[in-house]
N, C-alpha and C. Protein backbone atom coordinates (compact mmCIF):
# COMPACT_ATOMS: atom_id res chain seq x y z
N MET A 1 113.54 24.74 371.93
CA MET A 1 114.15 25.72 371.06
C MET A 1 115.46 25.13 370.54
N SER A 2 115.71 25.34 369.27
CA SER A 2 116.95 24.84 368.68
C SER A 2 118.14 25.62 369.25
N VAL A 3 119.31 25.04 369.16
CA VAL A 3 120.52 25.70 369.65
C VAL A 3 120.77 26.98 368.85
N ALA A 4 120.57 26.93 367.55
CA ALA A 4 120.77 28.12 366.71
C ALA A 4 119.86 29.27 367.16
N LEU A 5 118.61 28.97 367.45
CA LEU A 5 117.68 30.01 367.90
C LEU A 5 118.07 30.54 369.27
N ALA A 6 118.55 29.67 370.14
CA ALA A 6 119.02 30.11 371.46
C ALA A 6 120.20 31.05 371.32
N ILE A 7 121.12 30.73 370.42
CA ILE A 7 122.28 31.59 370.18
C ILE A 7 121.83 32.95 369.67
N LYS A 8 120.95 32.97 368.68
CA LYS A 8 120.44 34.23 368.14
C LYS A 8 119.76 35.06 369.22
N SER A 9 118.95 34.41 370.02
CA SER A 9 118.22 35.10 371.07
C SER A 9 119.16 35.76 372.07
N LYS A 10 120.18 35.04 372.48
CA LYS A 10 121.12 35.58 373.47
C LYS A 10 122.01 36.67 372.89
N LEU A 11 122.42 36.53 371.65
CA LEU A 11 123.27 37.55 371.03
C LEU A 11 122.50 38.83 370.71
N ALA A 12 121.19 38.77 370.72
CA ALA A 12 120.37 39.96 370.52
C ALA A 12 120.65 41.00 371.61
N ALA A 13 121.19 40.57 372.74
CA ALA A 13 121.55 41.49 373.82
C ALA A 13 122.60 42.51 373.38
N LEU A 14 123.34 42.20 372.32
CA LEU A 14 124.37 43.11 371.80
C LEU A 14 123.80 44.08 370.76
N SER A 15 122.50 44.07 370.57
CA SER A 15 121.83 44.95 369.60
C SER A 15 122.54 44.96 368.25
N PRO A 16 122.67 43.79 367.63
CA PRO A 16 123.45 43.73 366.38
C PRO A 16 122.78 44.43 365.21
N HIS A 17 123.63 45.04 364.38
CA HIS A 17 123.19 45.60 363.09
C HIS A 17 123.02 44.45 362.10
N HIS A 18 123.84 43.43 362.28
CA HIS A 18 123.80 42.22 361.44
C HIS A 18 124.11 41.04 362.34
N LEU A 19 123.35 39.96 362.17
CA LEU A 19 123.61 38.74 362.92
C LEU A 19 123.26 37.54 362.05
N SER A 20 124.23 36.67 361.88
CA SER A 20 124.03 35.43 361.14
C SER A 20 124.57 34.29 362.00
N VAL A 21 123.74 33.29 362.22
CA VAL A 21 124.14 32.10 362.98
C VAL A 21 123.92 30.90 362.08
N ASP A 22 125.01 30.26 361.69
CA ASP A 22 124.94 29.12 360.78
C ASP A 22 125.37 27.84 361.47
N ASN A 23 124.52 26.83 361.38
CA ASN A 23 124.87 25.51 361.90
C ASN A 23 125.73 24.82 360.86
N GLU A 24 127.00 24.61 361.17
CA GLU A 24 127.92 23.97 360.25
C GLU A 24 128.23 22.53 360.67
N SER A 25 127.40 21.97 361.49
CA SER A 25 127.63 20.61 361.99
C SER A 25 127.70 19.59 360.86
N HIS A 26 126.93 19.81 359.80
CA HIS A 26 126.91 18.87 358.68
C HIS A 26 128.27 18.74 358.00
N LYS A 27 129.17 19.69 358.25
CA LYS A 27 130.51 19.65 357.66
C LYS A 27 131.49 18.83 358.50
N HIS A 28 131.00 18.24 359.57
CA HIS A 28 131.86 17.54 360.51
C HIS A 28 131.37 16.11 360.75
N SER A 29 132.19 15.33 361.40
CA SER A 29 131.87 13.93 361.69
C SER A 29 131.01 13.83 362.94
N VAL A 30 129.77 14.19 362.77
CA VAL A 30 128.79 14.13 363.87
C VAL A 30 127.51 13.49 363.33
N PRO A 31 126.65 13.01 364.22
CA PRO A 31 125.39 12.42 363.74
C PRO A 31 124.55 13.44 362.95
N GLU A 32 123.76 12.93 362.04
CA GLU A 32 122.87 13.77 361.24
C GLU A 32 121.98 14.61 362.14
N ASN A 33 121.69 15.83 361.73
CA ASN A 33 120.84 16.79 362.45
C ASN A 33 121.46 17.29 363.76
N SER A 34 122.77 17.18 363.90
CA SER A 34 123.44 17.67 365.10
C SER A 34 123.46 19.20 365.12
N GLU A 35 123.58 19.74 366.32
CA GLU A 35 123.74 21.18 366.51
C GLU A 35 124.94 21.37 367.43
N THR A 36 126.13 21.14 366.87
CA THR A 36 127.36 21.17 367.66
C THR A 36 128.40 22.16 367.16
N HIS A 37 128.36 22.51 365.89
CA HIS A 37 129.36 23.38 365.28
C HIS A 37 128.64 24.58 364.65
N PHE A 38 129.00 25.79 365.10
CA PHE A 38 128.32 26.99 364.61
C PHE A 38 129.31 28.05 364.16
N ARG A 39 128.82 28.88 363.26
CA ARG A 39 129.56 30.04 362.76
C ARG A 39 128.69 31.26 362.99
N VAL A 40 129.24 32.27 363.65
CA VAL A 40 128.50 33.49 363.97
C VAL A 40 129.17 34.68 363.30
N GLU A 41 128.38 35.45 362.59
CA GLU A 41 128.79 36.77 362.08
C GLU A 41 127.95 37.76 362.87
N ILE A 42 128.61 38.69 363.55
CA ILE A 42 127.86 39.68 364.32
C ILE A 42 128.52 41.05 364.17
N VAL A 43 127.68 42.04 363.90
CA VAL A 43 128.13 43.43 363.76
C VAL A 43 127.38 44.24 364.81
N SER A 44 128.13 44.89 365.69
CA SER A 44 127.49 45.61 366.79
C SER A 44 128.32 46.81 367.23
N GLU A 45 127.64 47.86 367.66
CA GLU A 45 128.31 49.02 368.25
C GLU A 45 129.08 48.60 369.50
N ALA A 46 128.65 47.51 370.14
CA ALA A 46 129.33 47.02 371.35
C ALA A 46 130.78 46.64 371.09
N PHE A 47 131.15 46.46 369.84
CA PHE A 47 132.51 46.07 369.48
C PHE A 47 133.38 47.26 369.05
N THR A 48 132.82 48.45 369.00
CA THR A 48 133.58 49.62 368.61
C THR A 48 134.66 49.91 369.65
N GLY A 49 135.90 49.99 369.19
CA GLY A 49 137.03 50.27 370.07
C GLY A 49 137.43 49.11 370.97
N VAL A 50 136.91 47.92 370.67
CA VAL A 50 137.18 46.73 371.49
C VAL A 50 138.04 45.76 370.68
N ARG A 51 139.10 45.24 371.31
CA ARG A 51 139.98 44.29 370.64
C ARG A 51 139.27 42.96 370.38
N ALA A 52 139.79 42.21 369.43
CA ALA A 52 139.16 40.94 369.01
C ALA A 52 138.95 39.98 370.18
N VAL A 53 139.94 39.82 371.03
CA VAL A 53 139.81 38.90 372.16
C VAL A 53 138.66 39.31 373.06
N GLN A 54 138.53 40.59 373.32
CA GLN A 54 137.45 41.07 374.17
C GLN A 54 136.08 40.91 373.50
N ARG A 55 136.04 41.03 372.19
CA ARG A 55 134.78 40.80 371.46
C ARG A 55 134.34 39.35 371.65
N HIS A 56 135.29 38.44 371.48
CA HIS A 56 134.98 37.02 371.65
C HIS A 56 134.54 36.73 373.07
N GLN A 57 135.17 37.37 374.04
CA GLN A 57 134.79 37.17 375.44
C GLN A 57 133.36 37.62 375.68
N LYS A 58 132.94 38.70 375.05
CA LYS A 58 131.55 39.16 375.19
C LYS A 58 130.58 38.09 374.66
N VAL A 59 130.93 37.51 373.53
CA VAL A 59 130.08 36.47 372.95
C VAL A 59 130.09 35.23 373.84
N TYR A 60 131.27 34.81 374.28
CA TYR A 60 131.37 33.63 375.16
C TYR A 60 130.54 33.82 376.43
N GLN A 61 130.59 35.01 376.99
CA GLN A 61 129.85 35.27 378.21
C GLN A 61 128.34 35.07 378.01
N LEU A 62 127.84 35.54 376.89
CA LEU A 62 126.41 35.40 376.60
C LEU A 62 126.02 33.95 376.29
N LEU A 63 126.97 33.17 375.78
CA LEU A 63 126.66 31.80 375.35
C LEU A 63 127.25 30.73 376.27
N GLN A 64 127.46 31.07 377.53
CA GLN A 64 128.06 30.13 378.48
C GLN A 64 127.33 28.79 378.52
N GLU A 65 126.02 28.83 378.57
CA GLU A 65 125.22 27.61 378.67
C GLU A 65 125.41 26.71 377.45
N GLU A 66 125.36 27.30 376.27
CA GLU A 66 125.52 26.53 375.04
C GLU A 66 126.93 25.95 374.92
N LEU A 67 127.93 26.74 375.30
CA LEU A 67 129.32 26.29 375.20
C LEU A 67 129.64 25.21 376.23
N ALA A 68 128.90 25.18 377.32
CA ALA A 68 129.10 24.15 378.34
C ALA A 68 128.35 22.87 377.99
N GLY A 69 127.46 22.95 377.02
CA GLY A 69 126.63 21.81 376.68
C GLY A 69 126.77 21.37 375.24
N PRO A 70 125.80 21.71 374.43
CA PRO A 70 125.75 21.13 373.09
C PRO A 70 126.76 21.66 372.08
N VAL A 71 127.26 22.88 372.26
CA VAL A 71 128.15 23.47 371.25
C VAL A 71 129.58 23.03 371.48
N HIS A 72 130.12 22.37 370.47
CA HIS A 72 131.50 21.87 370.51
C HIS A 72 132.46 22.89 369.90
N ALA A 73 132.01 23.60 368.86
CA ALA A 73 132.87 24.56 368.17
C ALA A 73 132.06 25.79 367.77
N LEU A 74 132.68 26.95 367.94
CA LEU A 74 132.03 28.20 367.61
C LEU A 74 133.03 29.12 366.91
N ALA A 75 132.78 29.40 365.64
CA ALA A 75 133.59 30.35 364.89
C ALA A 75 132.92 31.71 365.02
N ILE A 76 133.66 32.68 365.53
CA ILE A 76 133.10 34.01 365.78
C ILE A 76 133.77 35.03 364.86
N HIS A 77 132.94 35.75 364.13
CA HIS A 77 133.38 36.86 363.29
C HIS A 77 132.65 38.09 363.80
N ALA A 78 133.31 38.87 364.66
CA ALA A 78 132.69 40.01 365.34
C ALA A 78 133.28 41.31 364.83
N TYR A 79 132.42 42.21 364.41
CA TYR A 79 132.85 43.47 363.81
C TYR A 79 132.11 44.67 364.40
N ALA A 80 132.80 45.80 364.44
CA ALA A 80 132.13 47.08 364.68
C ALA A 80 131.50 47.49 363.34
N PRO A 81 130.45 48.30 363.37
CA PRO A 81 129.78 48.67 362.12
C PRO A 81 130.71 49.25 361.06
N ASP A 82 131.68 50.06 361.44
CA ASP A 82 132.55 50.67 360.44
C ASP A 82 133.58 49.69 359.86
N GLU A 83 133.69 48.51 360.43
CA GLU A 83 134.61 47.48 359.93
C GLU A 83 133.94 46.48 358.99
N TRP A 84 132.66 46.38 359.08
CA TRP A 84 131.91 45.36 358.35
C TRP A 84 131.95 45.61 356.85
N GLN A 85 132.37 44.62 356.09
CA GLN A 85 132.48 44.72 354.64
C GLN A 85 131.39 43.92 353.91
N GLY A 86 130.42 43.40 354.66
CA GLY A 86 129.32 42.68 354.04
C GLY A 86 129.46 41.18 354.06
N GLU A 87 130.63 40.67 354.43
CA GLU A 87 130.81 39.24 354.56
C GLU A 87 132.05 38.96 355.40
N ALA A 88 132.08 37.76 355.97
CA ALA A 88 133.21 37.31 356.78
C ALA A 88 133.86 36.14 356.05
N PRO A 89 135.09 35.82 356.41
CA PRO A 89 135.76 34.68 355.77
C PRO A 89 134.97 33.38 355.97
N ALA A 90 135.04 32.51 355.01
CA ALA A 90 134.37 31.21 355.10
C ALA A 90 135.09 30.33 356.11
N SER A 91 134.36 29.42 356.69
CA SER A 91 134.95 28.46 357.62
C SER A 91 135.78 27.45 356.84
N PRO A 92 136.89 27.00 357.42
CA PRO A 92 137.69 25.98 356.74
C PRO A 92 136.99 24.63 356.77
N ASP A 93 137.40 23.75 355.89
CA ASP A 93 136.85 22.41 355.89
C ASP A 93 137.28 21.66 357.14
N CYS A 94 136.47 20.73 357.58
CA CYS A 94 136.80 19.91 358.74
C CYS A 94 138.02 19.06 358.43
N ARG A 95 138.96 19.01 359.37
CA ARG A 95 140.16 18.21 359.17
C ARG A 95 140.24 17.07 360.18
N GLY A 96 139.28 16.96 361.05
CA GLY A 96 139.32 15.95 362.09
C GLY A 96 138.28 14.88 361.88
N GLY A 97 138.26 13.93 362.78
CA GLY A 97 137.26 12.87 362.75
C GLY A 97 137.48 11.92 361.59
N SER A 98 136.49 11.12 361.33
CA SER A 98 136.59 10.09 360.32
C SER A 98 136.10 10.54 358.95
N GLY A 99 135.61 11.76 358.89
CA GLY A 99 135.06 12.26 357.62
C GLY A 99 133.65 11.75 357.42
N SER A 100 132.96 12.33 356.47
CA SER A 100 131.61 11.84 356.18
C SER A 100 131.27 11.97 354.73
């Protein structure tokens, strides 16, 4: 199973209204076809009344295995349903490594 599919599968535990998992590894100095840098947009009732740090902790808890292994970077955009505006901010360009 790909890392992206594993992330989606595990985040399904939060019963998301919206879930997007994007592999952004190609934007970084990593080998071709890497699965190391991801961006997650997730909208869930589980985040209602929960501060941003606690939302991220919920995601980290579910993705412990991936974060301990193949995932080097994870951008998390976590929203309660009433906060979701239909899109999250774009990820910044990579500023590290040798470029590609």
